[in-house]
Every structure is written in C-alpha cells, then in structure tokens.
Amino acid sequence: MATPAVTSISTGSGSGTPNAKVHQPPPRRYPVARSKSRIPCVQFLSPGRGTSISKGGSSPRPTKRILVYFVPGNPGLAGYYTPFLETLRGLLDASCPRSQSGGAGEGEAQVEFDLYAQNLLGFDDSDHQVPFGTRIPGSENGDGNGQKQESLPFSLEDQICGVWDSLGEIVKSGLEDAGTAGGVEPETNGDEDNGERQTKPKRYYYDQVILMGHSVGAYIGMEIFHRHHHQLLALSHQQTDPDPDPENHQKEVKFPFNLLAGIMLFPTIWDIAKSPNGLVFNRFIRNNAFMSNNAHKIAKWTVDWFPSWVLKSVVRNVMGFSDDGAETTTNFLTSRDGIHQALYLARDEMASITEEKWEREMWEASHDLEQDESSKVGAEGKTKLKQGGDRFFFLFGKKDHWVADKTRDAFIEKRRQEHGDKGRVRVLVDETGGVGGEKAGIPHAFCIHHSEVVAEKVKTWIDEVVASL
C-alpha cells in the first residue's frame, strides 16, 4: 500500500540552557501499586527477543533495545490500535537489516524493537476499585466538611503521571514474554554480606524509547518530553555542580529513561476547543451545566437498553468497524465507567489543551544521551547531551475535526519561525484527499480503517531515527 502523500517542512536546531529545575507533578491520585496492575495493553515483542544480547562477551556486536511506547487517544483503549501496531511490527521485522540473523554490517549495532500500548487510566473497570461517582469508604472529613469524598474519573494530569510511571517502570524491567518478565539481568560483585551475594542491575532493559501518541495521546507524549527535558537539565546540573549540603542528597535527580524521538499522529496539542468538534462539545456539554453533570449518565442509560450483541452488530455493520474494533467499542460502551471517564477526560482536554506551553529549548534540545557504561544503571554515571537528527515527527490530517486548520497552520508556522530549517522537527500534512479513492484523506481516527498506510509512514520515520544512531 502506498504511503500517504504529504506536504512537509523541516524546522531547525539551536541551543539553549534554561535554568535547571525538576518538574514536580502533584501527588498521584492513585496508589503507587496501580502502575504495576494488569492494565489492559497490547504488545508486540521482537521475534528474536533476547537471543542477540551479549552474554559474557560472546556476541561480536552490541545490541540496542528500543521500546516503541504508544499512548492512545480518547477513548484510551489500546485495543483500537492492534491492527496498526501489528502492521508496524511486521514492517520492522521485514526490512530492518540490523536483525538477529547477522545481516548487519561489521561493527554496526543490532537493534531490537518491542512495541507496547496501554489503556489510559479509568477505561477499564478493574484499574480502580471504587466506581466513579460514588462515595469513597473511610473518607469522612476528607473534604474538611465532614462529607465523604467522591470517586472521580482520572484527569489529564493523572494520565500524564500514569504514562510517566508506566514508561519508567517498563524501561527499567522490560516487558513480559509468555509470563516471564524481560527484566534486568543481575550481576554479582563478588562480595558477601551475611552469606548472601550482593547483586546490582547491569543496565536498564531498554536503551532508548521512541514515544508515539495519537490525538490527546500526542499531548500526553509532548508533556512527557517536557518533563523529561527538565529532569535531564537538573541531572546535568547536579553532576557539574553537586550540592554540598548532605541534607539535599535525598533530593538528587535520578536518571530518567532515554527518549530518542517522538512520533505524534493527528495530534491535539493546541487549542482543541477551537476545533469543529471542540466547539460543539463546549457548546452542548462543557458549557451546559446540566449536560456537563449528566451527559455520561444519559449516554450510559441509553446504551444499557441494548444487549451487547446488538451494540456490536451496529458498530460492525452500520459504522463499518472491523471485528476487533467492534469488540473493543462494545466492551467500552458496556463497561461500568468507560463512558464517564471518556467524557470527563474530554472536558479536561478542552480546559487544559490551549496555547502552547512548552519552551523553545525543549523543541531544539537533543537528549540522545551519551553515557559511559557505569551510567547504564541509572544516576551513577555521567550524562552528556549531544546533538542528533530530527527529534519530533508530526502527522496532521488535511481536514481533522479535532484540529482546526488555523491551529495546525499556526503550529507549523511557529516551528518554522522559531527554529529555521536546520532540522529538529518534521511536520507532515496528509494530502491523500481525492487520491486512490480516499475522498477525504486519512481521518482523525486512523486506527479504524487506515492502520496500514499510517504504519508505513511511521516505519519510514523509525528507519530515519535508527539510521542516525
């Protein structure tokens, strides 16, 4: 299948070192253990996973493990993206010359990719114990007025924190393969303490991360980059100017995961409320007091009138969804809290995704980290920032009902004006309308019918990123 015709611009690189500071997100609304729960996910692991990892110096070439972490849009259901990720997995396996078969050139690093997508918080009833909208047991006096606190759906900030936690955890320990954690291989230091050998992690499981996002997942992804940028600036500052006060040592910044590139698909990262669908949502739901409080109840009451097989049949035969898409949608509609979570998050998106808030330096910086071997374990080694190729890749729709044309064009122009044409950001606008039978081009919800064509475009970007390593 041909890749989408696109119009592209490249924007440039520069330098800048704002005062180092650590982003401190608000306290998590969810228990720390939540990130370790079995939140529904989709993962496609490298077919030769682990076989080419050097053990005892037996491999002539090093291996890079790259995690491709995908953040879904709203509804935040990873199941919608199974065809997309499965296609991308096949494309990577078919053409990557740096495979376990030994096809890489002498001295060239082999590369393994693992693909992973996880539900956003709140879209599966099993990831929160108390149903949304009910009083939390034992929370008397929780609001200071003697009233029990009400369990609320997860906000946009909660989702960002959830992805940050999940990503950091997976990068350190790896994904599970057939029930066995990929994990960090331990090594012994030869010392004994009370008869037990001491062990320490050899390295993080994944060397680098390519972070992908769709729709609001792109906004979440950019926020991860923003916070990651400040964490690394703080880490670099900490190494060059350590705090002599021992009381501050506990505040030292830990080495974060290594973000190699960001690929954002049909991104809603600016002024979503000004989009055609955003204007409608604001008018009839967000700015209507009755509907704002009751839209989820009305929607849930309506779908509950129909058996699940009827809903599935309508989604598949009337709306034209695939079997997998129809199954995912039906499970979402019939879940206890899915609709409530989706509408709550949408309201928060309208309020939070406004003008761009990310500093110029984040767009221009390259945080492809250059480390010595001792730093593989975390914050122990020294970290040096170095320049690289394009870091961000954006695919916009020509006519996207969740992204106003003026907003998209302003985003492109701002990248051009601020960064020039030296290459740090790639922006593509789909131009397939009227080509090959695609009357309206690739839609915002590309994962329903256009997974293959988008996967092919993403594959070319991943090839470019890996080629620059």
Protein backbone atom coordinates (compact mmCIF):
# COMPACT_ATOMS: atom_id res chain seq x y z
CA MET A 1 0.00 0.00 0.00
CA ALA A 2 1.33 3.43 -0.88
CA THR A 3 2.26 5.83 1.86
CA PRO A 4 0.15 8.97 2.19
CA ALA A 5 1.02 11.90 0.00
CA VAL A 6 2.20 14.64 2.30
CA THR A 7 3.46 18.17 2.38
CA SER A 8 6.47 18.51 4.63
CA ILE A 9 8.59 21.11 6.30
CA SER A 10 11.71 20.68 8.39
CA THR A 11 12.49 23.06 11.19
CA GLY A 12 15.77 23.72 12.78
CA SER A 13 18.10 23.19 15.66
CA GLY A 14 19.67 25.53 18.09
CA SER A 15 20.84 25.66 21.64
CA GLY A 16 19.56 26.89 24.93
CA THR A 17 20.02 26.00 28.55
CA PRO A 18 17.26 27.31 30.76
CA ASN A 19 17.75 27.19 34.50
CA ALA A 20 17.72 23.58 35.58
CA LYS A 21 14.69 22.62 37.58
CA VAL A 22 12.79 19.47 38.28
CA HIS A 23 9.15 19.24 37.34
CA GLN A 24 7.21 18.28 40.42
CA PRO A 25 3.81 16.89 39.45
CA PRO A 26 1.02 16.95 42.01
CA PRO A 27 0.65 13.90 44.23
CA ARG A 28 -0.74 10.85 42.42
CA ARG A 29 -4.45 10.34 42.92
CA TYR A 30 -3.96 6.64 42.50
CA PRO A 31 -1.94 4.18 44.66
CA VAL A 32 1.70 3.68 43.68
CA ALA A 33 0.97 -0.01 43.13
CA ARG A 34 -1.52 0.88 40.40
CA SER A 35 1.20 1.17 37.77
CA LYS A 36 2.05 -2.48 38.42
CA SER A 37 -1.51 -3.71 37.98
CA ARG A 38 -2.66 -5.53 34.89
CA ILE A 39 -3.98 -2.54 32.99
CA PRO A 40 -5.11 -3.80 29.56
CA CYS A 41 -2.36 -3.44 26.98
CA VAL A 42 -1.22 -4.51 23.53
CA GLN A 43 2.38 -5.55 22.97
CA PHE A 44 4.34 -6.98 20.06
CA LEU A 45 7.77 -8.20 21.10
CA SER A 46 10.81 -8.69 18.89
CA PRO A 47 10.64 -12.20 17.36
CA GLY A 48 14.27 -12.91 18.27
CA ARG A 49 13.97 -11.15 21.58
CA GLY A 50 16.97 -11.57 23.80
CA THR A 51 18.85 -14.01 21.51
CA SER A 52 21.35 -11.40 20.32
CA ILE A 53 22.08 -9.83 23.69
CA SER A 54 25.73 -10.15 24.50
CA LYS A 55 26.38 -12.55 27.38
CA GLY A 56 29.92 -12.91 28.61
CA GLY A 57 31.29 -11.14 25.55
CA SER A 58 30.09 -13.88 23.17
CA SER A 59 28.41 -11.51 20.70
CA PRO A 60 30.67 -9.63 18.27
CA ARG A 61 28.34 -6.66 18.11
CA PRO A 62 26.36 -4.79 20.77
CA THR A 63 22.57 -4.73 20.69
CA LYS A 64 20.30 -1.75 21.20
CA ARG A 65 16.91 -2.44 22.67
CA ILE A 66 14.38 0.20 21.69
CA LEU A 67 10.92 0.42 23.22
CA VAL A 68 8.25 1.91 20.97
CA TYR A 69 5.70 3.12 23.52
CA PHE A 70 2.32 4.16 22.13
CA VAL A 71 -0.13 6.42 24.00
CA PRO A 72 -3.75 6.08 22.80
CA GLY A 73 -6.24 8.87 22.27
CA ASN A 74 -9.64 9.24 23.90
CA PRO A 75 -11.27 6.72 24.44
CA GLY A 76 -7.98 5.47 25.81
CA LEU A 77 -8.27 1.86 24.69
CA ALA A 78 -5.16 0.12 23.42
CA GLY A 79 -7.26 -2.48 21.61
CA TYR A 80 -8.15 0.02 18.88
CA TYR A 81 -4.51 0.12 17.80
CA THR A 82 -3.87 -3.62 17.50
CA PRO A 83 -4.01 -3.61 13.64
CA PHE A 84 -1.73 -0.55 13.49
CA LEU A 85 0.88 -1.96 15.86
CA GLU A 86 0.68 -5.41 14.29
CA THR A 87 1.32 -3.90 10.84
CA LEU A 88 4.20 -1.81 12.17
CA ARG A 89 5.66 -4.92 13.86
CA GLY A 90 5.60 -6.77 10.53
CA LEU A 91 7.19 -3.87 8.65
CA LEU A 92 10.01 -3.58 11.17
CA ASP A 93 10.68 -7.32 11.11
CA ALA A 94 10.64 -7.50 7.31
CA SER A 95 13.07 -4.72 6.49
CA CYS A 96 15.35 -3.98 9.41
CA PRO A 97 18.87 -5.08 8.36
CA ARG A 98 20.15 -4.95 11.92
CA SER A 99 18.41 -8.15 12.92
CA GLN A 100 19.47 -11.21 14.91
CA SER A 101 20.24 -13.08 11.69
CA GLY A 102 23.61 -11.37 11.41
CA GLY A 103 22.67 -9.21 8.42
CA ALA A 104 24.11 -6.07 9.97
CA GLY A 105 27.42 -4.73 8.73
CA GLU A 106 30.55 -5.41 10.72
CA GLY A 107 30.60 -3.25 13.83
CA GLU A 108 27.06 -1.93 13.27
CA ALA A 109 24.81 -2.13 16.30
CA GLN A 110 21.95 -4.58 16.05
CA VAL A 111 18.55 -3.26 17.05
CA GLU A 112 15.59 -4.94 18.70
CA PHE A 113 12.20 -3.26 18.87
CA ASP A 114 9.41 -4.01 21.32
CA LEU A 115 6.05 -2.30 20.69
CA TYR A 116 3.74 -1.50 23.56
CA ALA A 117 0.44 0.32 24.11
CA GLN A 118 -1.51 0.50 27.36
CA ASN A 119 -5.00 1.72 28.20
CA LEU A 120 -5.24 5.15 29.71
CA LEU A 121 -6.33 5.10 33.34
CA GLY A 122 -10.01 4.67 34.11
CA PHE A 123 -11.06 2.96 30.87
CA ASP A 124 -11.06 -0.48 32.40
CA ASP A 125 -13.21 -1.06 35.46
CA SER A 126 -10.56 -3.28 37.05
CA ASP A 127 -7.98 -0.47 37.35
CA HIS A 128 -9.94 1.41 40.03
CA GLN A 129 -11.68 -0.18 42.97
CA VAL A 130 -14.39 2.40 43.67
CA PRO A 131 -16.90 3.15 40.88
CA PHE A 132 -16.79 6.74 39.68
CA GLY A 133 -19.40 9.00 41.22
CA THR A 134 -19.70 7.03 44.47
CA ARG A 135 -18.51 7.93 47.94
CA ILE A 136 -15.10 6.60 48.91
CA PRO A 137 -15.38 4.36 52.00
CA GLY A 138 -13.49 5.71 55.00
CA SER A 139 -13.10 9.21 53.55
CA GLU A 140 -15.15 11.04 56.18
CA ASN A 141 -13.77 14.51 56.77
CA GLY A 142 -11.83 14.10 53.55
CA ASP A 143 -13.08 17.41 52.19
CA GLY A 144 -12.86 19.20 55.53
CA ASN A 145 -16.65 19.48 55.84
CA GLY A 146 -17.42 16.09 57.27
CA GLN A 147 -18.52 14.75 53.87
CA LYS A 148 -17.18 11.63 52.23
CA GLN A 149 -15.07 12.26 49.14
CA GLU A 150 -16.49 11.20 45.80
CA SER A 151 -14.51 8.97 43.49
CA LEU A 152 -13.75 10.94 40.33
CA PRO A 153 -12.52 9.80 36.92
CA PHE A 154 -8.91 10.42 36.03
CA SER A 155 -7.87 13.86 34.85
CA LEU A 156 -5.47 14.72 32.03
CA GLU A 157 -2.74 15.32 34.63
CA ASP A 158 -3.43 11.88 36.11
CA GLN A 159 -2.99 10.34 32.67
CA ILE A 160 0.34 12.11 32.15
CA CYS A 161 1.61 10.92 35.52
CA GLY A 162 0.35 7.41 34.78
CA VAL A 163 2.24 7.23 31.48
CA TRP A 164 5.39 8.62 33.10
CA ASP A 165 5.26 5.95 35.81
CA SER A 166 4.45 3.14 33.38
CA LEU A 167 7.17 4.15 30.95
CA GLY A 168 9.85 4.41 33.63
CA GLU A 169 8.89 1.04 35.07
CA ILE A 170 8.93 -0.76 31.71
CA VAL A 171 12.22 0.79 30.61
CA LYS A 172 13.88 -0.48 33.78
CA SER A 173 12.50 -4.01 33.92
CA GLY A 174 11.30 -4.84 30.40
CA LEU A 175 8.05 -6.30 29.16
CA GLU A 176 6.77 -9.76 29.91
CA ASP A 177 7.10 -12.53 27.35
CA ALA A 178 4.86 -15.55 27.84
CA GLY A 179 4.53 -14.79 31.53
CA THR A 180 8.24 -14.26 32.15
CA ALA A 181 9.47 -10.74 32.85
CA GLY A 182 12.13 -9.50 30.46
CA GLY A 183 13.81 -7.96 33.46
CA VAL A 184 17.25 -6.59 34.10
CA GLU A 185 19.93 -9.25 34.18
CA PRO A 186 21.68 -9.07 37.58
CA GLU A 187 25.39 -9.31 38.04
CA THR A 188 27.26 -10.16 41.22
CA ASN A 189 30.02 -8.07 42.69
CA GLY A 190 31.73 -10.97 44.39
CA ASP A 191 31.17 -9.70 47.93
CA GLU A 192 29.12 -11.42 50.55
CA ASP A 193 27.06 -9.96 53.34
CA ASN A 194 25.71 -12.40 55.92
CA GLY A 195 26.17 -15.22 53.45
CA GLU A 196 24.23 -13.56 50.63
CA ARG A 197 25.84 -12.42 47.41
CA GLN A 198 25.24 -8.79 46.55
CA THR A 199 23.71 -8.04 43.18
CA LYS A 200 23.16 -4.89 41.20
CA PRO A 201 21.38 -4.23 37.92
CA LYS A 202 23.67 -4.35 34.91
CA ARG A 203 21.64 -1.84 32.89
CA TYR A 204 18.13 -0.73 32.08
CA TYR A 205 16.36 -3.26 29.88
CA TYR A 206 15.72 -0.70 27.12
CA ASP A 207 18.44 1.61 25.90
CA GLN A 208 16.11 4.13 24.27
CA VAL A 209 12.44 4.95 23.78
CA ILE A 210 10.51 6.12 20.75
CA LEU A 211 7.36 7.68 22.17
CA MET A 212 4.26 7.72 19.94
CA GLY A 213 0.88 9.26 20.63
CA HIS A 214 -2.45 9.70 18.88
CA SER A 215 -4.78 12.66 19.42
CA VAL A 216 -4.68 13.55 23.15
CA GLY A 217 -2.07 10.81 23.46
CA ALA A 218 0.20 13.13 21.46
CA TYR A 219 -0.36 15.89 24.03
CA ILE A 220 0.46 13.43 26.81
CA GLY A 221 3.57 12.43 24.89
CA MET A 222 4.72 16.04 24.50
CA GLU A 223 4.20 16.62 28.21
CA ILE A 224 6.40 13.59 28.89
CA PHE A 225 9.09 15.16 26.68
CA HIS A 226 8.69 18.48 28.50
CA ARG A 227 9.12 16.95 31.95
CA HIS A 228 11.88 14.65 30.73
CA HIS A 229 13.72 17.73 29.37
CA HIS A 230 13.71 19.38 32.79
CA GLN A 231 14.70 16.18 34.56
CA LEU A 232 17.78 15.87 32.35
CA LEU A 233 18.70 19.51 32.76
CA ALA A 234 18.51 19.05 36.51
CA LEU A 235 20.58 15.86 36.29
CA SER A 236 23.23 17.58 34.18
CA HIS A 237 23.31 20.48 36.65
CA GLN A 238 23.57 18.06 39.57
CA GLN A 239 26.61 16.33 38.05
CA THR A 240 28.51 19.52 37.24
CA ASP A 241 27.56 21.43 40.41
CA PRO A 242 26.72 18.93 43.17
CA ASP A 243 25.01 20.26 46.25
CA PRO A 244 27.47 20.16 49.21
CA ASP A 245 24.63 20.06 51.72
CA PRO A 246 24.12 16.38 52.70
CA GLU A 247 20.52 17.11 53.65
CA ASN A 248 19.76 17.74 49.97
CA HIS A 249 21.26 14.48 48.73
CA GLN A 250 17.93 12.74 49.06
CA LYS A 251 16.52 15.24 46.56
CA GLU A 252 19.04 14.29 43.87
CA VAL A 253 17.52 13.63 40.47
CA LYS A 254 17.52 10.05 39.29
CA PHE A 255 18.46 9.16 35.73
CA PRO A 256 15.28 9.11 33.65
CA PHE A 257 14.54 6.95 30.63
CA ASN A 258 16.24 7.92 27.38
CA LEU A 259 13.76 9.46 24.92
CA LEU A 260 15.11 9.08 21.42
CA ALA A 261 12.26 10.55 19.34
CA GLY A 262 8.57 11.44 19.39
CA ILE A 263 6.06 10.47 16.68
CA MET A 264 2.74 12.26 17.07
CA LEU A 265 -0.24 11.23 14.93
CA PHE A 266 -3.17 13.59 14.32
CA PRO A 267 -2.09 15.48 17.45
CA THR A 268 -4.45 17.62 19.51
CA ILE A 269 -1.73 19.65 21.20
CA TRP A 270 -3.02 23.20 20.68
CA ASP A 271 -6.40 24.85 21.27
CA ILE A 272 -8.55 21.75 20.93
CA ALA A 273 -11.62 23.76 21.99
CA LYS A 274 -11.31 25.79 18.76
CA SER A 275 -11.63 22.71 16.55
CA PRO A 276 -15.01 21.97 14.88
CA ASN A 277 -15.76 19.12 17.28
CA GLY A 278 -14.37 21.09 20.21
CA LEU A 279 -16.78 23.95 19.54
CA VAL A 280 -19.72 21.54 19.50
CA PHE A 281 -18.57 19.75 22.67
CA ASN A 282 -18.10 23.02 24.52
CA ARG A 283 -21.47 24.38 23.49
CA PHE A 284 -23.63 21.37 24.24
CA ILE A 285 -21.75 19.62 27.06
CA ARG A 286 -18.94 21.53 28.75
CA ASN A 287 -20.71 24.92 28.93
CA ASN A 288 -24.12 23.42 29.67
CA ALA A 289 -24.36 22.83 33.41
CA PHE A 290 -26.99 20.11 33.16
CA MET A 291 -25.25 18.19 30.36
CA SER A 292 -21.83 18.63 31.93
CA ASN A 293 -23.05 16.81 35.03
CA ASN A 294 -25.34 14.29 33.36
CA ALA A 295 -24.17 13.55 29.80
CA HIS A 296 -22.38 10.39 30.89
CA LYS A 297 -25.47 9.19 32.76
CA ILE A 298 -27.72 9.77 29.75
CA ALA A 299 -25.30 8.04 27.41
CA LYS A 300 -24.87 5.07 29.74
CA TRP A 301 -28.61 4.79 30.33
CA THR A 302 -29.18 4.73 26.56
CA VAL A 303 -26.66 2.02 25.71
CA ASP A 304 -27.79 -0.12 28.64
CA TRP A 305 -31.14 -0.56 26.89
CA PHE A 306 -29.47 -2.70 24.22
CA PRO A 307 -27.88 -6.14 24.59
CA SER A 308 -24.17 -6.22 23.86
CA TRP A 309 -24.69 -8.31 20.70
CA VAL A 310 -26.95 -5.59 19.29
CA LEU A 311 -24.38 -2.88 20.04
CA LYS A 312 -21.63 -4.94 18.48
CA SER A 313 -23.70 -5.58 15.37
CA VAL A 314 -24.44 -1.86 14.95
CA VAL A 315 -20.81 -0.87 15.43
CA ARG A 316 -19.60 -3.51 12.99
CA ASN A 317 -22.29 -3.40 10.28
CA VAL A 318 -23.54 0.19 10.42
CA MET A 319 -20.40 2.04 11.47
CA GLY A 320 -18.15 -0.29 9.49
CA PHE A 321 -15.73 -1.23 12.25
CA SER A 322 -13.55 -4.32 11.99
CA ASP A 323 -14.29 -7.26 14.27
CA ASP A 324 -11.54 -6.20 16.66
CA GLY A 325 -12.70 -2.58 16.62
CA ALA A 326 -16.31 -3.60 17.20
CA GLU A 327 -15.29 -5.80 20.12
CA THR A 328 -13.24 -3.01 21.70
CA THR A 329 -16.06 -0.47 21.24
CA THR A 330 -18.70 -2.80 22.65
CA ASN A 331 -16.59 -3.54 25.72
CA PHE A 332 -16.10 0.20 26.19
CA LEU A 333 -19.81 1.03 25.91
CA THR A 334 -20.90 -1.77 28.24
CA SER A 335 -18.21 -1.13 30.87
CA ARG A 336 -19.31 0.41 34.15
CA ASP A 337 -17.22 3.61 33.99
CA GLY A 338 -15.78 3.88 30.46
CA ILE A 339 -18.21 6.49 29.13
CA HIS A 340 -17.89 8.58 32.29
CA GLN A 341 -14.09 8.51 32.02
CA ALA A 342 -14.13 9.47 28.33
CA LEU A 343 -16.41 12.50 28.80
CA TYR A 344 -14.61 13.63 31.96
CA LEU A 345 -11.26 13.48 30.18
CA ALA A 346 -12.69 15.31 27.16
CA ARG A 347 -13.86 18.17 29.39
CA ASP A 348 -10.41 18.37 30.93
CA GLU A 349 -8.83 18.39 27.48
CA MET A 350 -10.93 21.42 26.49
CA ALA A 351 -9.77 23.31 29.58
CA SER A 352 -6.11 22.23 29.53
CA ILE A 353 -5.05 21.98 25.87
CA THR A 354 -4.92 25.65 24.95
CA GLU A 355 -1.94 27.71 23.78
CA GLU A 356 1.44 26.03 23.52
CA LYS A 357 3.20 25.94 26.87
CA TRP A 358 6.47 24.20 26.01
CA GLU A 359 9.62 26.28 25.93
CA ARG A 360 11.65 26.73 22.79
CA GLU A 361 14.61 24.85 24.24
CA MET A 362 12.63 21.63 24.53
CA TRP A 363 11.99 21.60 20.79
CA GLU A 364 15.62 22.27 19.96
CA ALA A 365 17.37 20.11 22.54
CA SER A 366 18.58 16.64 21.72
CA HIS A 367 18.53 14.30 24.68
CA ASP A 368 20.08 11.34 22.97
CA LEU A 369 22.29 10.63 25.95
CA GLU A 370 25.94 9.81 25.62
CA GLN A 371 26.87 7.71 28.64
CA ASP A 372 29.71 5.63 29.92
CA GLU A 373 28.96 2.06 30.94
CA SER A 374 28.67 2.92 34.64
CA SER A 375 25.71 5.19 33.91
CA LYS A 376 23.67 2.31 32.47
CA VAL A 377 22.41 1.56 35.95
CA GLY A 378 20.90 4.95 36.49
CA ALA A 379 22.24 8.12 38.01
CA GLU A 380 25.68 6.75 38.87
CA GLY A 381 27.40 7.64 35.61
CA LYS A 382 27.89 10.97 33.94
CA THR A 383 25.41 12.16 31.37
CA LYS A 384 26.25 14.32 28.39
CA LEU A 385 23.72 15.78 25.98
CA LYS A 386 24.59 15.56 22.32
CA GLN A 387 23.10 16.70 19.03
CA GLY A 388 21.19 14.39 16.72
CA GLY A 389 18.84 14.44 13.75
CA ASP A 390 15.13 15.16 13.69
CA ARG A 391 13.62 14.51 17.08
CA PHE A 392 9.89 15.14 16.59
CA PHE A 393 7.67 13.88 13.78
CA PHE A 394 4.07 15.07 13.35
CA LEU A 395 1.39 13.77 11.00
CA PHE A 396 -1.64 16.08 10.67
CA GLY A 397 -4.84 15.44 8.77
CA LYS A 398 -5.81 17.77 5.95
CA LYS A 399 -9.32 18.07 7.38
CA ASP A 400 -9.36 16.99 11.00
CA HIS A 401 -12.49 17.75 13.01
CA TRP A 402 -10.46 17.75 16.23
CA VAL A 403 -7.76 20.12 14.94
CA ALA A 404 -8.74 23.47 13.43
CA ASP A 405 -6.98 24.27 10.16
CA LYS A 406 -5.85 27.63 11.57
CA THR A 407 -4.43 25.92 14.65
CA ARG A 408 -2.48 23.41 12.57
CA ASP A 409 -1.14 26.10 10.23
CA ALA A 410 -0.14 28.32 13.19
CA PHE A 411 1.72 25.40 14.76
CA ILE A 412 3.67 24.78 11.54
CA GLU A 413 4.47 28.47 11.10
CA LYS A 414 5.67 28.83 14.68
CA ARG A 415 8.05 25.90 14.27
CA ARG A 416 9.37 27.50 11.08
CA GLN A 417 9.84 30.95 12.60
CA GLU A 418 11.41 29.81 15.86
CA HIS A 419 13.73 27.11 14.61
CA GLY A 420 14.54 27.82 10.97
CA ASP A 421 15.27 24.99 8.57
CA LYS A 422 18.20 23.09 10.12
CA GLY A 423 16.20 20.07 11.13
CA ARG A 424 14.81 19.17 14.56
CA VAL A 425 11.08 18.85 13.83
CA ARG A 426 9.36 17.20 10.87
CA VAL A 427 5.76 18.13 10.11
CA LEU A 428 3.70 16.30 7.52
CA VAL A 429 0.18 17.13 6.40
CA ASP A 430 -1.81 14.34 4.77
CA GLU A 431 -2.74 15.19 1.17
CA THR A 432 -4.45 11.94 0.13
CA GLY A 433 -7.91 13.53 -0.35
CA GLY A 434 -9.12 12.59 -3.83
CA VAL A 435 -6.17 10.21 -4.36
CA GLY A 436 -6.60 6.45 -4.69
CA GLY A 437 -10.27 6.56 -3.74
CA GLU A 438 -9.64 8.41 -0.46
CA LYS A 439 -12.16 11.24 -0.88
CA ALA A 440 -11.49 12.90 2.47
CA GLY A 441 -7.95 11.74 3.22
CA ILE A 442 -6.89 9.87 6.32
CA PRO A 443 -9.34 10.64 9.15
CA HIS A 444 -8.50 11.53 12.74
CA ALA A 445 -9.48 8.01 13.88
CA PHE A 446 -6.97 6.42 11.52
CA CYS A 447 -6.86 3.21 13.55
CA ILE A 448 -10.30 2.12 12.31
CA HIS A 449 -9.61 1.80 8.57
CA HIS A 450 -6.20 3.32 7.81
CA SER A 451 -3.78 1.48 10.09
CA GLU A 452 -1.64 0.13 7.24
CA VAL A 453 -0.96 3.42 5.46
CA VAL A 454 -0.08 5.22 8.71
CA ALA A 455 2.11 2.32 9.86
CA GLU A 456 4.10 2.57 6.63
CA LYS A 457 4.73 6.27 7.19
CA VAL A 458 5.72 5.69 10.82
CA LYS A 459 8.09 2.91 9.69
CA THR A 460 9.98 5.37 7.43
CA TRP A 461 10.41 7.74 10.38
CA ILE A 462 11.66 4.98 12.67
CA ASP A 463 14.17 4.00 9.97
CA GLU A 464 15.45 7.59 9.89
CA VAL A 465 15.77 7.73 13.66
CA VAL A 466 17.63 4.43 13.90
CA ALA A 467 19.91 5.34 10.98
CA SER A 468 21.09 8.38 12.96
CA LEU A 469 22.23 6.28 15.93
